[in-house]
Amino acid sequence: MRFDNLTSAEIREICRAVDEDMRNERAGKPRPKRFFDDWPSAQFTSEEIRAALDAAWKETFKIK
């Protein structure tokens, strides 16, 4: 799995789902299963994830 293969729609869905999960967690509600829950994200460091999401954001909005 490579993060640079994500589409902007997938990135938006991930961000929306994480926001929803955080709101539910604060409200004490259980977290629903998401399509990206099974990804082997543990193999990536926080820096790699941030860099990949930053690159995808810049590509999506054509920021140089």
N, C-alpha and C. Protein backbone atom coordinates (compact mmCIF):
# COMPACT_ATOMS: atom_id res chain seq x y z
N MET A 1 0.85 -1.18 0.00
CA MET A 1 0.00 0.00 0.00
C MET A 1 0.88 1.23 0.00
N ARG A 2 0.63 2.11 -0.93
CA ARG A 2 1.37 3.37 -0.98
C ARG A 2 0.37 4.51 -0.85
N PHE A 3 0.72 5.48 -0.03
CA PHE A 3 -0.20 6.59 0.20
C PHE A 3 -0.31 7.50 -1.01
N ASP A 4 0.70 7.53 -1.88
CA ASP A 4 0.62 8.42 -3.04
C ASP A 4 -0.33 7.88 -4.11
N ASN A 5 -0.91 6.72 -3.88
CA ASN A 5 -1.89 6.17 -4.81
C ASN A 5 -3.32 6.52 -4.41
N LEU A 6 -3.49 7.26 -3.31
CA LEU A 6 -4.83 7.63 -2.86
C LEU A 6 -5.41 8.72 -3.75
N THR A 7 -6.69 8.64 -4.01
CA THR A 7 -7.36 9.70 -4.76
C THR A 7 -7.79 10.79 -3.78
N SER A 8 -8.11 11.96 -4.29
CA SER A 8 -8.55 13.04 -3.41
C SER A 8 -9.87 12.66 -2.72
N ALA A 9 -10.71 11.90 -3.39
CA ALA A 9 -11.97 11.44 -2.78
C ALA A 9 -11.69 10.51 -1.59
N GLU A 10 -10.70 9.63 -1.74
CA GLU A 10 -10.35 8.73 -0.64
C GLU A 10 -9.77 9.52 0.53
N ILE A 11 -8.95 10.52 0.25
CA ILE A 11 -8.38 11.35 1.31
C ILE A 11 -9.49 12.09 2.05
N ARG A 12 -10.44 12.66 1.30
CA ARG A 12 -11.57 13.35 1.93
C ARG A 12 -12.38 12.40 2.80
N GLU A 13 -12.62 11.17 2.32
CA GLU A 13 -13.37 10.19 3.09
C GLU A 13 -12.63 9.82 4.37
N ILE A 14 -11.33 9.65 4.29
CA ILE A 14 -10.54 9.33 5.48
C ILE A 14 -10.63 10.47 6.50
N CYS A 15 -10.45 11.70 6.04
CA CYS A 15 -10.53 12.86 6.94
C CYS A 15 -11.91 12.99 7.56
N ARG A 16 -12.96 12.79 6.77
CA ARG A 16 -14.32 12.88 7.28
C ARG A 16 -14.57 11.79 8.33
N ALA A 17 -14.12 10.58 8.02
CA ALA A 17 -14.34 9.46 8.94
C ALA A 17 -13.58 9.66 10.24
N VAL A 18 -12.35 10.15 10.16
CA VAL A 18 -11.56 10.39 11.37
C VAL A 18 -12.23 11.47 12.22
N ASP A 19 -12.73 12.53 11.58
CA ASP A 19 -13.44 13.58 12.31
C ASP A 19 -14.67 13.00 13.01
N GLU A 20 -15.43 12.19 12.28
CA GLU A 20 -16.62 11.56 12.86
C GLU A 20 -16.25 10.64 14.02
N ASP A 21 -15.17 9.87 13.86
CA ASP A 21 -14.72 8.98 14.92
C ASP A 21 -14.33 9.75 16.17
N MET A 22 -13.64 10.88 15.99
CA MET A 22 -13.23 11.69 17.14
C MET A 22 -14.44 12.26 17.86
N ARG A 23 -15.44 12.71 17.11
CA ARG A 23 -16.66 13.24 17.73
C ARG A 23 -17.40 12.13 18.49
N ASN A 24 -17.49 10.95 17.88
CA ASN A 24 -18.16 9.83 18.54
C ASN A 24 -17.41 9.40 19.80
N GLU A 25 -16.08 9.40 19.73
CA GLU A 25 -15.27 9.01 20.89
C GLU A 25 -15.53 9.96 22.06
N ARG A 26 -15.57 11.26 21.77
CA ARG A 26 -15.83 12.24 22.83
C ARG A 26 -17.24 12.07 23.40
N ALA A 27 -18.18 11.62 22.57
CA ALA A 27 -19.56 11.42 23.01
C ALA A 27 -19.77 10.04 23.65
N GLY A 28 -18.73 9.20 23.65
CA GLY A 28 -18.84 7.87 24.25
C GLY A 28 -19.51 6.84 23.36
N LYS A 29 -19.63 7.11 22.07
CA LYS A 29 -20.26 6.17 21.14
C LYS A 29 -19.21 5.21 20.57
N PRO A 30 -19.61 3.99 20.21
CA PRO A 30 -18.65 3.04 19.62
C PRO A 30 -18.24 3.48 18.21
N ARG A 31 -17.04 3.12 17.82
CA ARG A 31 -16.50 3.48 16.52
C ARG A 31 -16.91 2.45 15.47
N PRO A 32 -17.49 2.88 14.33
CA PRO A 32 -17.86 1.93 13.27
C PRO A 32 -16.62 1.46 12.50
N LYS A 33 -16.72 0.31 11.87
CA LYS A 33 -15.61 -0.21 11.05
C LYS A 33 -15.54 0.58 9.76
N ARG A 34 -14.32 0.95 9.35
CA ARG A 34 -14.10 1.75 8.15
C ARG A 34 -13.36 0.93 7.09
N PHE A 35 -13.45 1.38 5.84
CA PHE A 35 -12.81 0.65 4.74
C PHE A 35 -11.29 0.65 4.88
N PHE A 36 -10.72 1.61 5.58
CA PHE A 36 -9.27 1.69 5.70
C PHE A 36 -8.75 1.08 7.00
N ASP A 37 -9.62 0.45 7.79
CA ASP A 37 -9.19 -0.14 9.06
C ASP A 37 -8.21 -1.31 8.87
N ASP A 38 -8.31 -2.00 7.76
CA ASP A 38 -7.46 -3.18 7.54
C ASP A 38 -6.13 -2.85 6.87
N TRP A 39 -5.89 -1.59 6.58
CA TRP A 39 -4.63 -1.22 5.94
C TRP A 39 -3.46 -1.46 6.88
N PRO A 40 -2.35 -1.88 6.35
CA PRO A 40 -1.17 -2.13 7.19
C PRO A 40 -0.43 -0.83 7.53
N SER A 41 -1.14 0.12 8.11
CA SER A 41 -0.55 1.44 8.36
C SER A 41 0.55 1.41 9.41
N ALA A 42 0.62 0.36 10.19
CA ALA A 42 1.65 0.29 11.22
C ALA A 42 3.05 0.23 10.62
N GLN A 43 3.16 -0.12 9.36
CA GLN A 43 4.48 -0.19 8.74
C GLN A 43 5.02 1.19 8.36
N PHE A 44 4.20 2.24 8.46
CA PHE A 44 4.62 3.59 8.12
C PHE A 44 4.86 4.40 9.39
N THR A 45 5.86 5.26 9.36
CA THR A 45 6.10 6.15 10.49
C THR A 45 5.17 7.35 10.37
N SER A 46 5.02 8.08 11.46
CA SER A 46 4.18 9.29 11.44
C SER A 46 4.70 10.29 10.41
N GLU A 47 6.03 10.38 10.30
CA GLU A 47 6.62 11.32 9.35
C GLU A 47 6.28 10.93 7.91
N GLU A 48 6.32 9.63 7.61
CA GLU A 48 5.99 9.17 6.27
C GLU A 48 4.51 9.43 5.94
N ILE A 49 3.66 9.21 6.91
CA ILE A 49 2.23 9.44 6.70
C ILE A 49 1.97 10.92 6.48
N ARG A 50 2.58 11.78 7.33
CA ARG A 50 2.41 13.23 7.17
C ARG A 50 2.92 13.70 5.81
N ALA A 51 4.08 13.22 5.40
CA ALA A 51 4.66 13.62 4.11
C ALA A 51 3.77 13.18 2.95
N ALA A 52 3.24 11.97 3.03
CA ALA A 52 2.38 11.47 1.96
C ALA A 52 1.07 12.25 1.89
N LEU A 53 0.47 12.53 3.04
CA LEU A 53 -0.77 13.31 3.04
C LEU A 53 -0.53 14.74 2.59
N ASP A 54 0.61 15.32 2.98
CA ASP A 54 0.96 16.67 2.54
C ASP A 54 1.14 16.70 1.03
N ALA A 55 1.84 15.71 0.48
CA ALA A 55 2.04 15.64 -0.96
C ALA A 55 0.71 15.46 -1.69
N ALA A 56 -0.16 14.61 -1.15
CA ALA A 56 -1.47 14.39 -1.78
C ALA A 56 -2.31 15.66 -1.72
N TRP A 57 -2.24 16.39 -0.60
CA TRP A 57 -2.97 17.65 -0.45
C TRP A 57 -2.49 18.65 -1.50
N LYS A 58 -1.16 18.79 -1.61
CA LYS A 58 -0.60 19.74 -2.57
C LYS A 58 -0.96 19.36 -4.00
N GLU A 59 -0.94 18.08 -4.30
CA GLU A 59 -1.29 17.62 -5.64
C GLU A 59 -2.77 17.88 -5.93
N THR A 60 -3.60 17.61 -4.92
CA THR A 60 -5.04 17.82 -5.09
C THR A 60 -5.36 19.27 -5.38
N PHE A 61 -4.71 20.18 -4.67
CA PHE A 61 -5.00 21.60 -4.81
C PHE A 61 -3.94 22.35 -5.62
N LYS A 62 -3.00 21.59 -6.22
CA LYS A 62 -1.96 22.15 -7.09
C LYS A 62 -1.18 23.28 -6.41
N ILE A 63 -0.78 23.03 -5.16
CA ILE A 63 0.03 23.99 -4.42
C ILE A 63 1.49 23.67 -4.70
N LYS A 64 2.23 24.66 -5.03
CA LYS A 64 3.66 24.47 -5.33
C LYS A 64 4.52 24.95 -4.19
